[in-house]
Amino acid sequence: MSQFDKLLRRIRSLDKNLRFEELQKVLEHYGYIMSGPASGSSHKTFRKPGKMPITIPQHDPIKRAYVEHVKAVVESEDDNEENN
């Protein structure tokens, strides 16, 4: 099992110790592009054409609500891959 697969497993299990960089890696794998405000905010926004933007604060560990959001993205993207 690859490291990326292990990371996906941790996201699916809603691991409490996920770091921002790990969520960033997963979202970028699925085609999201990160952007941040010009000044001052620790929140980063991930965008993908045709999808709602996802905003996540750059803190460690990441709160469960944000992990749940990324989990929903992973499941949605996996469903799309299976249907194509």
N, C-alpha and C. Protein backbone atom coordinates (compact mmCIF):
# COMPACT_ATOMS: atom_id res chain seq x y z
N MET A 1 0.85 -1.17 0.00
CA MET A 1 0.00 0.00 0.00
C MET A 1 0.90 1.24 0.00
N SER A 2 0.60 2.15 -0.91
CA SER A 2 1.42 3.36 -1.04
C SER A 2 1.14 4.33 0.10
N GLN A 3 2.04 5.30 0.28
CA GLN A 3 1.85 6.32 1.31
C GLN A 3 0.58 7.13 1.04
N PHE A 4 0.32 7.39 -0.23
CA PHE A 4 -0.89 8.15 -0.58
C PHE A 4 -2.14 7.36 -0.20
N ASP A 5 -2.14 6.06 -0.45
CA ASP A 5 -3.28 5.22 -0.07
C ASP A 5 -3.48 5.22 1.45
N LYS A 6 -2.38 5.22 2.19
CA LYS A 6 -2.46 5.29 3.65
C LYS A 6 -3.06 6.62 4.09
N LEU A 7 -2.67 7.68 3.40
CA LEU A 7 -3.21 9.00 3.71
C LEU A 7 -4.72 9.04 3.44
N LEU A 8 -5.14 8.47 2.32
CA LEU A 8 -6.58 8.41 2.02
C LEU A 8 -7.33 7.60 3.08
N ARG A 9 -6.72 6.53 3.54
CA ARG A 9 -7.35 5.72 4.58
C ARG A 9 -7.51 6.54 5.87
N ARG A 10 -6.49 7.34 6.20
CA ARG A 10 -6.58 8.19 7.40
C ARG A 10 -7.69 9.22 7.26
N ILE A 11 -7.84 9.77 6.06
CA ILE A 11 -8.91 10.76 5.84
C ILE A 11 -10.27 10.08 5.96
N ARG A 12 -10.41 8.92 5.36
CA ARG A 12 -11.70 8.20 5.43
C ARG A 12 -12.07 7.82 6.86
N SER A 13 -11.05 7.59 7.71
CA SER A 13 -11.32 7.24 9.10
C SER A 13 -11.42 8.47 10.00
N LEU A 14 -11.34 9.67 9.39
CA LEU A 14 -11.42 10.94 10.11
C LEU A 14 -10.38 11.05 11.22
N ASP A 15 -9.15 10.68 10.89
CA ASP A 15 -8.02 10.75 11.82
C ASP A 15 -7.94 12.15 12.44
N LYS A 16 -7.70 12.21 13.73
CA LYS A 16 -7.65 13.48 14.45
C LYS A 16 -6.32 14.22 14.28
N ASN A 17 -5.32 13.56 13.75
CA ASN A 17 -3.98 14.14 13.69
C ASN A 17 -3.52 14.51 12.29
N LEU A 18 -4.45 14.79 11.41
CA LEU A 18 -4.07 15.17 10.06
C LEU A 18 -3.54 16.60 10.04
N ARG A 19 -2.55 16.82 9.20
CA ARG A 19 -1.95 18.15 9.06
C ARG A 19 -2.49 18.82 7.80
N PHE A 20 -2.40 20.12 7.77
CA PHE A 20 -2.86 20.91 6.62
C PHE A 20 -2.19 20.42 5.34
N GLU A 21 -0.88 20.19 5.40
CA GLU A 21 -0.14 19.77 4.20
C GLU A 21 -0.66 18.45 3.63
N GLU A 22 -1.16 17.58 4.49
CA GLU A 22 -1.70 16.31 4.02
C GLU A 22 -3.01 16.52 3.27
N LEU A 23 -3.87 17.38 3.80
CA LEU A 23 -5.12 17.68 3.09
C LEU A 23 -4.83 18.39 1.78
N GLN A 24 -3.85 19.28 1.81
CA GLN A 24 -3.45 19.99 0.59
C GLN A 24 -3.00 19.00 -0.48
N LYS A 25 -2.20 18.04 -0.09
CA LYS A 25 -1.70 17.03 -1.04
C LYS A 25 -2.85 16.27 -1.69
N VAL A 26 -3.84 15.88 -0.89
CA VAL A 26 -4.97 15.12 -1.41
C VAL A 26 -5.81 15.98 -2.36
N LEU A 27 -6.13 17.20 -1.94
CA LEU A 27 -6.94 18.07 -2.79
C LEU A 27 -6.24 18.38 -4.10
N GLU A 28 -4.94 18.64 -4.05
CA GLU A 28 -4.19 18.92 -5.28
C GLU A 28 -4.13 17.68 -6.18
N HIS A 29 -4.09 16.51 -5.58
CA HIS A 29 -4.12 15.26 -6.37
C HIS A 29 -5.40 15.17 -7.20
N TYR A 30 -6.51 15.66 -6.63
CA TYR A 30 -7.80 15.62 -7.31
C TYR A 30 -8.05 16.86 -8.17
N GLY A 31 -7.03 17.68 -8.39
CA GLY A 31 -7.14 18.79 -9.32
C GLY A 31 -7.51 20.14 -8.73
N TYR A 32 -7.55 20.25 -7.42
CA TYR A 32 -7.85 21.53 -6.78
C TYR A 32 -6.57 22.38 -6.76
N ILE A 33 -6.73 23.67 -6.89
CA ILE A 33 -5.61 24.60 -6.86
C ILE A 33 -5.76 25.50 -5.65
N MET A 34 -4.68 25.62 -4.86
CA MET A 34 -4.73 26.40 -3.63
C MET A 34 -4.41 27.86 -3.92
N SER A 35 -5.15 28.73 -3.25
CA SER A 35 -4.86 30.16 -3.29
C SER A 35 -5.10 30.71 -1.90
N GLY A 36 -4.41 31.79 -1.61
CA GLY A 36 -4.58 32.42 -0.30
C GLY A 36 -4.77 33.91 -0.47
N PRO A 37 -5.25 34.56 0.55
CA PRO A 37 -5.41 36.01 0.47
C PRO A 37 -4.05 36.70 0.39
N ALA A 38 -4.06 37.91 -0.10
CA ALA A 38 -2.81 38.64 -0.27
C ALA A 38 -2.13 38.93 1.07
N SER A 39 -2.90 39.07 2.12
CA SER A 39 -2.25 39.39 3.39
C SER A 39 -3.03 38.88 4.58
N GLY A 40 -2.30 38.43 5.57
CA GLY A 40 -2.83 38.26 6.89
C GLY A 40 -3.62 37.04 7.28
N SER A 41 -4.30 36.38 6.43
CA SER A 41 -5.16 35.29 6.85
C SER A 41 -4.45 33.94 6.73
N SER A 42 -4.76 33.06 7.65
CA SER A 42 -4.19 31.72 7.60
C SER A 42 -5.09 30.76 6.82
N HIS A 43 -6.22 31.24 6.32
CA HIS A 43 -7.14 30.40 5.57
C HIS A 43 -6.72 30.32 4.10
N LYS A 44 -6.72 29.11 3.58
CA LYS A 44 -6.40 28.87 2.18
C LYS A 44 -7.63 28.32 1.48
N THR A 45 -7.82 28.73 0.24
CA THR A 45 -8.98 28.28 -0.52
C THR A 45 -8.50 27.40 -1.67
N PHE A 46 -9.19 26.28 -1.83
CA PHE A 46 -8.89 25.33 -2.90
C PHE A 46 -10.03 25.40 -3.90
N ARG A 47 -9.68 25.56 -5.17
CA ARG A 47 -10.70 25.71 -6.22
C ARG A 47 -10.46 24.69 -7.33
N LYS A 48 -11.58 24.25 -7.89
CA LYS A 48 -11.56 23.36 -9.05
C LYS A 48 -12.75 23.74 -9.90
N PRO A 49 -12.56 23.88 -11.22
CA PRO A 49 -13.69 24.25 -12.08
C PRO A 49 -14.86 23.29 -11.90
N GLY A 50 -16.05 23.87 -11.75
CA GLY A 50 -17.26 23.09 -11.60
C GLY A 50 -17.54 22.59 -10.19
N LYS A 51 -16.67 22.91 -9.25
CA LYS A 51 -16.83 22.47 -7.86
C LYS A 51 -16.88 23.69 -6.94
N MET A 52 -17.52 23.52 -5.80
CA MET A 52 -17.56 24.59 -4.80
C MET A 52 -16.16 24.76 -4.20
N PRO A 53 -15.74 26.00 -3.94
CA PRO A 53 -14.44 26.21 -3.30
C PRO A 53 -14.45 25.64 -1.87
N ILE A 54 -13.28 25.22 -1.44
CA ILE A 54 -13.10 24.68 -0.10
C ILE A 54 -12.10 25.57 0.62
N THR A 55 -12.48 26.13 1.76
CA THR A 55 -11.57 26.98 2.53
C THR A 55 -11.19 26.24 3.80
N ILE A 56 -9.87 26.16 4.04
CA ILE A 56 -9.34 25.43 5.19
C ILE A 56 -8.31 26.31 5.89
N PRO A 57 -8.39 26.44 7.23
CA PRO A 57 -7.37 27.20 7.94
C PRO A 57 -6.07 26.40 7.99
N GLN A 58 -4.97 27.09 7.87
CA GLN A 58 -3.67 26.43 7.86
C GLN A 58 -3.17 26.28 9.30
N HIS A 59 -3.79 25.35 10.03
CA HIS A 59 -3.44 25.05 11.40
C HIS A 59 -3.25 23.54 11.52
N ASP A 60 -2.46 23.13 12.50
CA ASP A 60 -2.28 21.70 12.75
C ASP A 60 -2.61 21.40 14.20
N PRO A 61 -3.33 20.34 14.52
CA PRO A 61 -4.03 19.48 13.57
C PRO A 61 -5.29 20.17 13.03
N ILE A 62 -5.79 19.63 11.96
CA ILE A 62 -6.98 20.17 11.30
C ILE A 62 -8.22 19.70 12.06
N LYS A 63 -9.17 20.59 12.22
CA LYS A 63 -10.42 20.22 12.91
C LYS A 63 -11.22 19.22 12.08
N ARG A 64 -11.99 18.42 12.77
CA ARG A 64 -12.75 17.33 12.16
C ARG A 64 -13.66 17.80 11.03
N ALA A 65 -14.29 18.95 11.17
CA ALA A 65 -15.23 19.43 10.15
C ALA A 65 -14.53 19.58 8.80
N TYR A 66 -13.29 20.04 8.79
CA TYR A 66 -12.56 20.22 7.54
C TYR A 66 -12.14 18.87 6.97
N VAL A 67 -11.78 17.93 7.84
CA VAL A 67 -11.43 16.58 7.39
C VAL A 67 -12.66 15.92 6.78
N GLU A 68 -13.83 16.12 7.38
CA GLU A 68 -15.07 15.56 6.83
C GLU A 68 -15.34 16.12 5.44
N HIS A 69 -15.06 17.39 5.25
CA HIS A 69 -15.27 18.01 3.94
C HIS A 69 -14.35 17.38 2.89
N VAL A 70 -13.08 17.20 3.25
CA VAL A 70 -12.14 16.59 2.31
C VAL A 70 -12.51 15.13 2.07
N LYS A 71 -13.00 14.45 3.10
CA LYS A 71 -13.45 13.06 2.93
C LYS A 71 -14.57 13.00 1.90
N ALA A 72 -15.50 13.95 1.95
CA ALA A 72 -16.59 13.99 0.98
C ALA A 72 -16.05 14.20 -0.43
N VAL A 73 -15.03 15.03 -0.57
CA VAL A 73 -14.41 15.26 -1.88
C VAL A 73 -13.79 13.96 -2.39
N VAL A 74 -13.04 13.28 -1.53
CA VAL A 74 -12.38 12.02 -1.91
C VAL A 74 -13.42 11.00 -2.37
N GLU A 75 -14.49 10.85 -1.60
CA GLU A 75 -15.53 9.89 -1.97
C GLU A 75 -16.22 10.26 -3.27
N SER A 76 -16.47 11.54 -3.47
CA SER A 76 -17.10 12.01 -4.70
C SER A 76 -16.20 11.77 -5.91
N GLU A 77 -14.92 12.09 -5.75
CA GLU A 77 -13.98 11.89 -6.86
C GLU A 77 -13.81 10.41 -7.17
N ASP A 78 -13.77 9.58 -6.14
CA ASP A 78 -13.65 8.13 -6.37
C ASP A 78 -14.88 7.59 -7.08
N ASP A 79 -16.07 8.09 -6.72
CA ASP A 79 -17.30 7.67 -7.39
C ASP A 79 -17.27 8.07 -8.86
N ASN A 80 -16.78 9.29 -9.14
CA ASN A 80 -16.69 9.76 -10.52
C ASN A 80 -15.74 8.90 -11.34
N GLU A 81 -14.61 8.49 -10.73
CA GLU A 81 -13.65 7.64 -11.44
C GLU A 81 -14.25 6.26 -11.74
N GLU A 82 -15.03 5.72 -10.81
CA GLU A 82 -15.64 4.41 -11.02
C GLU A 82 -16.69 4.46 -12.12
N ASN A 83 -17.40 5.57 -12.25
CA ASN A 83 -18.47 5.69 -13.24
C ASN A 83 -17.94 6.00 -14.64
N ASN A 84 -16.69 6.40 -14.74
CA ASN A 84 -16.13 6.72 -16.08
C ASN A 84 -15.30 5.61 -16.62
